[in-house]
Protein backbone atom coordinates (compact mmCIF):
# COMPACT_ATOMS: atom_id res chain seq x y z
CA MET A 1 94.88 74.46 117.81
CA GLY A 2 96.58 72.74 115.14
CA ARG A 3 98.57 73.99 112.18
CA GLY A 4 95.90 73.16 109.64
CA ARG A 5 93.51 76.18 110.77
CA GLN A 6 96.37 78.64 110.90
CA LYS A 7 97.62 77.44 107.36
CA ALA A 8 94.03 77.85 106.14
CA LYS A 9 93.61 81.38 107.44
CA HIS A 10 97.05 82.33 105.93
CA THR A 11 96.19 80.96 102.49
CA LYS A 12 92.91 82.67 102.42
CA VAL A 13 94.62 85.98 103.16
CA ALA A 14 97.27 85.21 100.60
CA ARG A 15 94.66 84.44 97.97
CA GLU A 16 92.66 87.52 98.86
CA LEU A 17 95.64 89.69 98.40
CA LYS A 18 96.87 88.03 95.22
CA TYR A 19 93.55 88.55 93.31
CA PHE A 20 92.75 91.88 94.82
CA SER A 21 92.83 94.74 92.26
CA PRO A 22 92.16 98.27 93.63
CA ASN A 23 91.17 100.86 91.28
CA THR A 24 94.29 102.53 89.95
CA ASP A 25 94.65 106.33 89.59
CA TYR A 26 96.71 106.43 86.39
CA ASN A 27 96.93 110.23 86.32
CA ALA A 28 98.30 110.32 90.09
CA LEU A 29 100.89 107.67 89.18
CA GLU A 30 101.93 109.72 86.08
CA ARG A 31 102.42 112.70 88.31
CA GLU A 32 104.43 110.64 90.79
CA LEU A 33 106.71 109.15 88.03
CA THR A 34 107.20 112.37 86.01
CA GLY A 35 108.05 114.30 89.04
CA SER A 36 108.11 118.21 88.91
CA GLN A 37 110.40 120.68 87.40
CA HIS A 38 111.68 121.55 90.71
CA ASP A 39 114.36 119.16 92.09
CA ASP A 40 114.12 118.65 95.80
CA TYR A 41 117.50 116.76 96.05
CA SER A 42 119.64 119.58 94.58
CA ASP A 43 118.19 122.14 97.06
CA GLU A 44 118.82 119.77 99.92
CA ALA A 45 122.36 119.04 98.42
CA SER A 46 123.13 122.73 97.92
CA LYS A 47 122.09 123.51 101.51
CA TRP A 48 124.39 120.93 103.05
CA ALA A 49 127.23 121.10 100.55
CA GLU A 50 129.46 123.20 102.79
CA TYR A 51 129.62 120.41 105.48
CA ALA A 52 129.95 117.78 102.99
CA ALA A 53 133.26 119.31 101.80
CA GLU A 54 134.74 119.31 105.18
CA ASP A 55 133.97 115.57 105.74
CA ASP A 56 136.79 113.32 105.30
CA ASP A 57 135.56 109.83 104.07
CA THR A 58 138.43 107.90 105.15
CA TYR A 59 138.42 105.70 108.40
CA VAL A 60 140.83 105.96 111.16
CA THR A 61 141.35 103.18 113.61
CA GLY A 62 141.93 103.85 117.21
CA ASP A 63 145.73 103.03 117.05
CA GLU A 64 146.09 105.64 114.20
CA GLN A 65 144.17 108.21 116.23
CA ARG A 66 146.59 107.56 119.33
CA GLU A 67 149.52 107.93 117.02
CA GLN A 68 148.33 111.10 115.61
CA ARG A 69 147.78 112.66 119.00
CA ALA A 70 151.33 111.82 120.16
């Protein structure tokens, strides 16, 4: 099968996707964008805060680890 048929199929699909306009639920979109009063991120952050405080963000190479052990 040649490239022409494959390209025609891709063009057809692309055109359908380009001009397809689904019904948009603007109320649901507004709810999603405004969010709720309850912040989920702060709950997660507070739950794991004790572990984050212990982490050291510096990178130690293998040579430096050997020197620290000696």
